[in-house]
N, C-alpha and C. Protein backbone atom coordinates (compact mmCIF):
# COMPACT_ATOMS: atom_id res chain seq x y z
N MET A 1 -10.92 -10.42 -25.49
CA MET A 1 -11.38 -8.90 -24.24
C MET A 1 -11.40 -7.63 -25.05
N SER A 2 -12.35 -6.86 -24.54
CA SER A 2 -12.78 -5.85 -25.01
C SER A 2 -11.52 -4.67 -24.42
N ASP A 3 -11.28 -3.42 -24.84
CA ASP A 3 -10.56 -2.50 -24.59
C ASP A 3 -10.50 -2.19 -23.31
N ASN A 4 -11.73 -1.53 -23.07
CA ASN A 4 -12.30 -1.05 -21.51
C ASN A 4 -12.05 -1.95 -20.23
N VAL A 5 -12.64 -3.41 -20.78
CA VAL A 5 -12.45 -4.16 -19.90
C VAL A 5 -10.69 -4.71 -19.37
N GLU A 6 -9.94 -4.51 -20.70
CA GLU A 6 -8.69 -4.88 -20.09
C GLU A 6 -8.25 -3.51 -19.22
N HIS A 7 -8.69 -1.95 -19.64
CA HIS A 7 -8.02 -1.03 -19.03
C HIS A 7 -8.40 -0.99 -17.45
N ILE A 8 -9.53 -1.79 -17.58
CA ILE A 8 -10.22 -1.88 -16.20
C ILE A 8 -9.20 -2.89 -15.09
N GLU A 9 -8.85 -4.11 -15.64
CA GLU A 9 -8.05 -5.19 -15.45
C GLU A 9 -6.99 -4.36 -14.59
N ASN A 10 -6.17 -3.47 -15.75
CA ASN A 10 -4.69 -3.09 -15.42
C ASN A 10 -4.77 -2.08 -14.65
N ALA A 11 -5.60 -0.97 -14.48
CA ALA A 11 -5.96 -0.06 -13.29
C ALA A 11 -6.26 -1.05 -12.04
N LEU A 12 -6.81 -1.69 -11.87
CA LEU A 12 -7.21 -2.27 -10.49
C LEU A 12 -5.83 -3.56 -10.12
N ARG A 13 -5.59 -4.03 -11.36
CA ARG A 13 -3.90 -4.86 -10.70
C ARG A 13 -2.77 -4.16 -10.18
N SER A 14 -2.95 -2.84 -11.01
CA SER A 14 -1.44 -2.17 -10.71
C SER A 14 -1.67 -1.66 -8.69
N VAL A 15 -3.03 -1.55 -8.47
CA VAL A 15 -3.75 -1.28 -6.88
C VAL A 15 -3.47 -2.49 -6.60
N ILE A 16 -3.62 -3.39 -6.65
CA ILE A 16 -3.73 -4.36 -5.93
C ILE A 16 -2.16 -5.29 -5.35
N GLU A 17 -1.72 -4.67 -6.65
CA GLU A 17 0.08 -5.22 -6.23
C GLU A 17 0.32 -4.31 -5.27
N THR A 18 0.11 -2.68 -5.64
CA THR A 18 0.79 -1.88 -4.39
C THR A 18 -0.03 -2.02 -3.58
N LEU A 19 -1.28 -2.60 -2.90
CA LEU A 19 -1.58 -2.97 -1.81
C LEU A 19 -1.20 -4.49 -1.07
N HIS A 20 -0.43 -5.29 -2.19
CA HIS A 20 0.02 -5.98 -1.77
C HIS A 20 1.76 -5.73 -1.02
N ASP A 21 2.28 -5.05 -1.65
CA ASP A 21 3.22 -4.29 -1.21
C ASP A 21 3.28 -3.47 -0.21
N GLY A 22 2.02 -2.84 0.08
CA GLY A 22 2.01 -2.19 1.41
C GLY A 22 1.68 -3.01 2.99
N GLN A 23 1.07 -4.04 2.42
CA GLN A 23 0.48 -5.05 3.31
C GLN A 23 1.80 -5.73 3.84
N LYS A 24 2.53 -6.22 2.98
CA LYS A 24 3.86 -6.86 3.43
C LYS A 24 4.83 -5.51 4.37
N GLY A 25 4.70 -4.65 3.81
CA GLY A 25 5.84 -3.77 3.86
C GLY A 25 5.12 -3.05 6.01
N PHE A 26 4.33 -3.11 5.67
CA PHE A 26 3.42 -2.57 7.22
C PHE A 26 3.83 -3.87 8.32
N ALA A 27 3.65 -4.97 7.83
CA ALA A 27 3.53 -6.46 8.31
C ALA A 27 5.24 -6.18 8.79
N GLU A 28 6.24 -6.65 8.11
CA GLU A 28 7.63 -6.62 8.26
C GLU A 28 7.96 -5.26 9.21
N SER A 29 7.72 -4.33 8.55
CA SER A 29 8.25 -3.27 9.55
C SER A 29 7.59 -3.32 10.91
N GLY A 30 6.07 -3.44 11.18
CA GLY A 30 5.64 -3.22 12.52
C GLY A 30 6.19 -4.58 13.15
N LYS A 31 6.88 -5.48 12.70
CA LYS A 31 7.57 -6.03 13.75
C LYS A 31 8.78 -5.71 14.40
N GLU A 32 9.42 -4.82 13.53
CA GLU A 32 10.76 -4.21 13.91
C GLU A 32 10.31 -2.80 14.77
N ILE A 33 9.65 -2.11 14.45
CA ILE A 33 9.13 -1.02 14.89
C ILE A 33 9.35 -1.01 16.65
N GLN A 34 9.93 0.23 17.44
CA GLN A 34 10.27 -0.21 18.81
C GLN A 34 8.70 0.84 19.57
N ASP A 35 8.09 1.74 19.22
CA ASP A 35 6.98 2.78 19.68
C ASP A 35 6.09 1.87 19.28
N PRO A 36 5.18 1.35 20.51
CA PRO A 36 3.90 0.77 20.65
C PRO A 36 2.70 0.88 19.75
N SER A 37 2.46 2.65 19.59
CA SER A 37 1.78 3.18 19.12
C SER A 37 1.68 2.78 17.53
N ILE A 38 3.13 2.69 17.09
CA ILE A 38 3.30 2.80 15.58
C ILE A 38 3.45 1.69 15.23
N LYS A 39 3.64 0.57 16.26
CA LYS A 39 3.93 -0.75 15.80
C LYS A 39 2.30 -1.17 15.59
N THR A 40 1.13 -1.09 16.50
CA THR A 40 0.10 -0.95 16.52
C THR A 40 -0.36 -0.77 15.35
N PHE A 41 -0.27 0.49 14.69
CA PHE A 41 -0.90 0.91 13.82
C PHE A 41 -0.09 0.21 12.28
N PHE A 42 0.86 -0.04 12.40
CA PHE A 42 1.34 -0.50 11.36
C PHE A 42 0.79 -2.34 10.86
N LEU A 43 0.78 -3.00 12.35
CA LEU A 43 0.11 -3.86 12.42
C LEU A 43 -1.45 -3.84 11.73
N GLU A 44 -2.37 -3.06 12.06
CA GLU A 44 -3.47 -2.75 11.68
C GLU A 44 -3.52 -2.25 10.18
N GLU A 45 -2.26 -1.01 9.70
CA GLU A 45 -2.36 -1.08 8.23
C GLU A 45 -2.34 -2.16 7.67
N SER A 46 -1.59 -2.97 7.99
CA SER A 46 -1.14 -4.35 6.99
C SER A 46 -2.76 -5.32 6.63
N ARG A 47 -3.30 -5.27 7.88
CA ARG A 47 -4.65 -5.70 7.73
C ARG A 47 -5.59 -4.90 7.08
N VAL A 48 -5.21 -3.61 6.99
CA VAL A 48 -6.24 -3.01 6.06
C VAL A 48 -6.19 -2.91 4.61
N ARG A 49 -4.69 -3.16 4.24
CA ARG A 49 -4.09 -3.27 2.64
C ARG A 49 -4.89 -4.61 2.47
N ALA A 50 -4.40 -5.46 3.39
CA ALA A 50 -5.32 -6.95 2.49
C ALA A 50 -6.60 -6.81 2.29
N GLN A 51 -7.39 -6.44 3.15
CA GLN A 51 -9.15 -6.25 3.18
C GLN A 51 -9.21 -5.41 1.68
N PHE A 52 -8.25 -4.04 1.18
CA PHE A 52 -8.51 -3.37 0.50
C PHE A 52 -8.48 -4.10 -0.99
N ALA A 53 -7.17 -4.61 -0.69
CA ALA A 53 -7.02 -5.76 -2.06
C ALA A 53 -7.53 -6.80 -2.33
N SER A 54 -8.63 -7.28 -1.37
CA SER A 54 -9.47 -8.10 -1.42
C SER A 54 -10.83 -7.58 -2.15
N GLU A 55 -11.45 -6.53 -1.54
CA GLU A 55 -12.02 -5.60 -2.26
C GLU A 55 -11.93 -5.54 -3.74
N LEU A 56 -10.70 -5.20 -3.96
CA LEU A 56 -10.43 -4.85 -5.27
C LEU A 56 -10.30 -6.48 -6.43
N GLN A 57 -10.07 -7.10 -5.90
CA GLN A 57 -9.71 -9.08 -6.28
C GLN A 57 -11.25 -8.82 -6.38
N ASP A 58 -12.68 -8.97 -5.31
CA ASP A 58 -13.84 -9.07 -5.89
C ASP A 58 -14.23 -8.30 -7.15
N GLN A 59 -13.78 -7.06 -7.41
CA GLN A 59 -13.87 -6.56 -8.63
C GLN A 59 -13.96 -7.03 -10.00
N LEU A 60 -12.54 -7.78 -9.84
CA LEU A 60 -11.69 -8.45 -11.02
C LEU A 60 -12.95 -9.66 -11.01
N HIS A 61 -12.96 -10.50 -9.87
CA HIS A 61 -13.94 -11.46 -10.32
C HIS A 61 -15.35 -11.37 -10.71
N HIS A 62 -15.68 -10.28 -10.44
CA HIS A 62 -16.99 -9.93 -11.09
C HIS A 62 -17.16 -9.48 -12.61
N LEU A 63 -15.99 -9.44 -12.90
CA LEU A 63 -15.64 -9.42 -14.46
C LEU A 63 -14.92 -10.32 -14.77
N GLY A 64 -15.06 -11.27 -14.26
CA GLY A 64 -14.76 -12.54 -14.83
C GLY A 64 -13.02 -12.89 -15.22
N LEU A 65 -12.72 -11.94 -14.38
CA LEU A 65 -10.62 -12.26 -14.50
C LEU A 65 -10.18 -12.75 -13.70
N LYS A 66 -8.98 -12.97 -13.66
CA LYS A 66 -8.70 -13.70 -12.64
C LYS A 66 -7.70 -12.83 -11.90
N GLU A 67 -7.53 -13.47 -10.29
CA GLU A 67 -7.04 -12.62 -9.51
C GLU A 67 -5.40 -12.45 -9.45
N VAL A 68 -5.54 -11.61 -8.58
CA VAL A 68 -3.48 -11.09 -8.45
C VAL A 68 -3.17 -12.06 -7.57
N ASP A 69 -2.28 -12.59 -7.82
CA ASP A 69 -1.44 -13.18 -6.62
C ASP A 69 -0.38 -12.41 -5.82
N GLU A 70 -0.69 -12.96 -4.42
CA GLU A 70 0.12 -11.85 -3.53
C GLU A 70 1.14 -11.49 -3.47
N SER A 71 1.83 -11.66 -4.29
CA SER A 71 3.64 -11.85 -4.30
C SER A 71 3.70 -10.27 -4.22
N GLY A 72 3.26 -9.25 -4.55
CA GLY A 72 3.18 -8.06 -4.81
C GLY A 72 4.52 -7.58 -5.88
N THR A 73 5.26 -6.31 -6.06
CA THR A 73 5.99 -6.17 -7.12
C THR A 73 7.12 -6.67 -6.48
N ALA A 74 8.19 -6.74 -7.56
CA ALA A 74 9.81 -6.92 -7.87
C ALA A 74 10.43 -5.86 -6.92
N ALA A 75 10.03 -4.73 -7.63
CA ALA A 75 9.91 -3.56 -6.60
C ALA A 75 9.93 -3.06 -4.89
N GLY A 76 8.72 -3.49 -5.11
CA GLY A 76 8.34 -3.61 -3.34
C GLY A 76 8.85 -4.62 -2.39
N ALA A 77 9.28 -5.61 -2.94
CA ALA A 77 9.97 -6.52 -2.41
C ALA A 77 11.30 -5.95 -1.77
N LEU A 78 12.27 -5.48 -2.86
CA LEU A 78 13.34 -4.72 -3.34
C LEU A 78 13.64 -3.39 -2.04
N HIS A 79 12.64 -2.81 -2.14
CA HIS A 79 12.42 -1.71 -1.24
C HIS A 79 12.16 -2.18 0.53
N ARG A 80 11.48 -3.58 0.81
CA ARG A 80 11.16 -3.93 1.99
C ARG A 80 12.68 -4.82 2.77
N THR A 81 13.26 -5.25 1.05
CA THR A 81 14.27 -5.93 1.81
C THR A 81 15.56 -4.66 2.26
N TRP A 82 15.38 -3.66 1.52
CA TRP A 82 16.32 -2.62 1.44
C TRP A 82 16.08 -1.50 2.69
N ALA A 83 14.56 -1.99 3.44
CA ALA A 83 14.37 -1.69 4.96
C ALA A 83 14.89 -2.12 5.98
N ASP A 84 14.35 -3.62 5.51
CA ASP A 84 14.97 -4.58 7.16
C ASP A 84 16.25 -4.55 7.26
N LEU A 85 17.18 -4.43 5.93
CA LEU A 85 18.63 -4.23 6.30
C LEU A 85 19.20 -3.01 7.07
N LYS A 86 18.47 -2.20 6.66
CA LYS A 86 18.65 -0.46 7.54
C LYS A 86 18.53 -0.56 8.74
N ALA A 87 17.29 -1.21 8.76
CA ALA A 87 16.36 -1.39 10.30
C ALA A 87 17.47 -2.25 11.04
N LYS A 88 18.15 -3.10 10.46
CA LYS A 88 18.95 -4.47 11.29
C LYS A 88 20.54 -3.87 11.37
N LEU A 89 20.59 -2.72 10.88
CA LEU A 89 21.87 -1.90 11.03
C LEU A 89 21.88 -0.81 11.87
N GLY A 90 21.03 -0.70 12.87
CA GLY A 90 20.55 0.38 13.64
C GLY A 90 19.80 1.37 13.13
N GLY A 91 19.21 1.40 12.04
CA GLY A 91 18.13 2.63 11.59
C GLY A 91 17.35 3.14 12.72
N GLY A 92 16.54 2.27 13.37
CA GLY A 92 15.73 2.60 14.13
C GLY A 92 14.22 2.66 13.53
N ASP A 93 13.69 3.53 14.54
CA ASP A 93 12.37 3.40 14.13
C ASP A 93 12.07 4.11 12.98
N HIS A 94 12.93 5.44 12.89
CA HIS A 94 12.68 6.75 12.05
C HIS A 94 13.06 5.93 10.64
N THR A 95 13.97 5.33 10.55
CA THR A 95 14.68 4.54 9.29
C THR A 95 13.53 4.10 8.46
N LEU A 96 12.71 2.89 9.46
CA LEU A 96 11.52 2.24 9.34
C LEU A 96 10.41 3.25 8.71
N LEU A 97 10.38 4.66 9.26
CA LEU A 97 9.26 5.14 9.05
C LEU A 97 9.32 6.09 7.66
N VAL A 98 10.93 6.49 7.77
CA VAL A 98 11.31 6.85 5.93
C VAL A 98 10.95 6.06 5.14
N THR A 99 11.36 4.63 5.08
CA THR A 99 10.95 3.69 4.07
C THR A 99 9.29 3.68 4.04
N ALA A 100 8.37 3.30 5.25
CA ALA A 100 7.41 3.27 5.03
C ALA A 100 6.62 4.51 4.28
N GLU A 101 7.20 5.72 4.23
CA GLU A 101 6.76 6.97 4.25
C GLU A 101 6.78 6.77 2.35
N GLN A 102 8.20 6.44 2.17
CA GLN A 102 8.56 6.64 0.59
C GLN A 102 7.52 5.31 -0.15
N GLY A 103 7.24 4.26 0.76
CA GLY A 103 5.91 3.19 0.00
C GLY A 103 4.76 3.94 -0.28
N GLU A 104 4.31 4.70 0.78
CA GLU A 104 3.18 5.41 1.29
C GLU A 104 2.86 6.47 -0.44
N ASP A 105 4.15 7.37 -0.47
CA ASP A 105 4.12 7.95 -1.71
C ASP A 105 3.58 7.20 -2.95
N GLU A 106 4.29 5.99 -3.02
CA GLU A 106 3.77 5.21 -4.39
C GLU A 106 2.61 4.51 -4.50
N ALA A 107 2.26 4.76 -3.15
CA ALA A 107 0.45 3.74 -3.33
C ALA A 107 0.16 5.14 -3.58
N GLU A 108 0.08 6.03 -2.83
CA GLU A 108 -0.77 7.39 -3.28
C GLU A 108 -0.64 7.53 -4.82
N GLU A 109 0.40 7.70 -5.75
CA GLU A 109 0.52 8.08 -6.96
C GLU A 109 -0.04 7.03 -7.83
N THR A 110 -0.26 5.39 -7.14
CA THR A 110 -0.94 4.44 -7.95
C THR A 110 -2.76 4.25 -7.64
N TYR A 111 -3.22 4.74 -6.27
CA TYR A 111 -4.21 5.49 -6.63
C TYR A 111 -4.53 6.65 -7.70
N GLN A 112 -3.71 7.80 -7.55
CA GLN A 112 -3.90 9.21 -8.14
C GLN A 112 -3.92 8.20 -9.76
N ARG A 113 -3.15 7.38 -10.14
CA ARG A 113 -3.47 7.11 -11.54
C ARG A 113 -4.93 6.30 -12.01
N ALA A 114 -4.89 5.39 -10.97
CA ALA A 114 -6.09 4.73 -11.00
C ALA A 114 -7.46 5.32 -11.24
N THR A 115 -7.33 6.55 -10.16
CA THR A 115 -9.19 7.47 -10.24
C THR A 115 -8.57 8.18 -11.08
N GLY A 116 -8.21 8.47 -11.82
CA GLY A 116 -7.69 9.19 -13.10
C GLY A 116 -7.89 8.62 -14.61
N ALA A 117 -8.33 7.12 -14.59
CA ALA A 117 -8.26 6.45 -15.39
C ALA A 117 -9.64 6.09 -15.95
N HIS A 118 -10.62 7.12 -15.75
CA HIS A 118 -12.36 7.05 -16.10
C HIS A 118 -12.51 5.42 -16.33
N LEU A 119 -12.60 5.37 -14.95
CA LEU A 119 -13.68 3.37 -15.10
C LEU A 119 -14.84 3.72 -14.76
N PRO A 120 -15.49 2.63 -14.22
CA PRO A 120 -16.91 2.55 -14.35
C PRO A 120 -16.85 2.99 -12.59
N ASP A 121 -18.43 3.64 -12.07
CA ASP A 121 -18.44 4.28 -11.24
C ASP A 121 -18.84 4.10 -9.82
N ASP A 122 -18.91 2.56 -10.22
CA ASP A 122 -18.60 1.97 -8.55
C ASP A 122 -17.51 1.84 -8.58
N ILE A 123 -16.67 1.30 -9.27
CA ILE A 123 -15.21 0.81 -9.21
C ILE A 123 -14.24 2.04 -8.69
N ASP A 124 -14.70 3.36 -9.01
CA ASP A 124 -13.87 4.50 -8.73
C ASP A 124 -14.46 5.31 -7.73
N ASP A 125 -15.71 4.89 -7.58
CA ASP A 125 -15.86 5.03 -5.86
C ASP A 125 -15.22 4.20 -5.02
N LEU A 126 -15.08 2.93 -5.31
CA LEU A 126 -14.51 2.40 -4.13
C LEU A 126 -13.02 2.40 -4.39
N LEU A 127 -12.59 2.80 -5.35
CA LEU A 127 -11.05 3.67 -5.57
C LEU A 127 -10.80 4.42 -4.63
N ARG A 128 -11.60 5.72 -4.78
CA ARG A 128 -11.80 7.03 -3.91
C ARG A 128 -11.91 7.13 -2.46
N ARG A 129 -13.15 5.81 -2.05
CA ARG A 129 -12.96 5.43 -0.55
C ARG A 129 -11.37 4.92 -0.15
N GLN A 130 -11.04 4.08 -0.81
CA GLN A 130 -10.15 3.82 -0.32
C GLN A 130 -8.33 4.34 -0.44
N GLN A 131 -8.80 5.57 -1.36
CA GLN A 131 -7.92 6.56 -1.72
C GLN A 131 -7.58 7.21 -0.36
N LYS A 132 -8.97 7.95 0.15
CA LYS A 132 -8.74 8.54 1.35
C LYS A 132 -7.79 8.44 2.32
N HIS A 133 -8.51 6.89 2.75
CA HIS A 133 -7.52 6.21 3.86
C HIS A 133 -5.94 5.77 3.81
N ILE A 134 -5.72 5.88 2.16
CA ILE A 134 -4.33 6.08 1.95
C ILE A 134 -3.75 7.09 2.24
N ILE A 135 -4.18 8.37 2.12
CA ILE A 135 -3.83 9.49 2.35
C ILE A 135 -3.88 9.57 3.86
N GLN A 136 -4.69 9.27 4.38
CA GLN A 136 -4.75 9.75 5.98
C GLN A 136 -3.53 9.01 6.71
N ALA A 137 -3.16 7.94 5.56
CA ALA A 137 -2.21 6.78 6.10
C ALA A 137 -1.27 7.56 6.19
N HIS A 138 -0.51 7.88 5.12
CA HIS A 138 0.12 8.69 4.90
C HIS A 138 0.56 9.78 5.50
N ASN A 139 -0.12 10.58 5.65
CA ASN A 139 0.37 11.81 6.29
C ASN A 139 0.61 11.73 8.26
N LYS A 140 -0.14 10.27 8.32
CA LYS A 140 0.05 9.94 9.75
C LYS A 140 1.62 9.12 9.94
N VAL A 141 2.12 8.58 8.77
CA VAL A 141 3.58 7.99 8.56
C VAL A 141 4.28 8.89 8.90
N ARG A 142 3.84 9.98 7.65
CA ARG A 142 4.97 11.25 7.87
C ARG A 142 5.07 12.06 8.94
N ALA A 143 3.73 12.39 9.38
CA ALA A 143 4.27 12.59 10.68
C ALA A 143 5.09 12.19 11.58
N TRP A 144 4.64 10.84 12.10
CA TRP A 144 5.58 10.17 12.74
C TRP A 144 7.28 10.02 12.66
N ARG A 145 7.50 10.74 10.87
CA ARG A 145 8.59 10.35 10.58
C ARG A 145 9.06 11.60 11.20
N ASP A 146 8.27 12.67 10.92
CA ASP A 146 9.05 13.94 11.03
C ASP A 146 9.25 14.07 12.67
N ALA A 147 8.32 13.16 13.59
CA ALA A 147 8.54 13.83 14.60
C ALA A 147 9.71 12.94 15.09
N THR A 148 9.92 11.42 14.77
CA THR A 148 11.11 10.90 15.05
C THR A 148 12.64 11.69 14.75
N ASN A 149 12.32 12.09 13.81
CA ASN A 149 13.92 12.76 13.09
C ASN A 149 14.35 13.73 14.29
N ASN A 150 13.26 14.18 15.18
CA ASN A 150 13.41 15.22 16.29
C ASN A 150 14.07 14.45 17.41
N ASP A 151 13.86 13.28 17.16
CA ASP A 151 14.80 12.62 18.78
C ASP A 151 16.21 12.51 18.85
């Protein structure tokens, strides 16, 4: 495998794994969130993360590379377990939003690394489109987190 293809593969795999973490995190937290509008957003965002991962999996496929499994990362699994525990101990919506916001920090950082990795234009354009949505979602989660902190 050429160094360039390996470079593209590594960048895409990192983002896909982060998207799988986000998909699972939003779905699991969405089940626990009490506020109906936040719940709806979380469940929709889980779907969006799955769609984004699928788009990037297609890029891997076009390069003739193996798809990334949907398990996500070990750090993501630990993060979700910790969020679940905090919620069950009575942390409520604010605690789930704090945890989601931390996950969104990681998603933004992963996209930032990937878009700075000098990838082919079509892949970079796709990542930048997705990144724009990730930033908007992050800002929404942060705003809800800040608003629930005042309750």
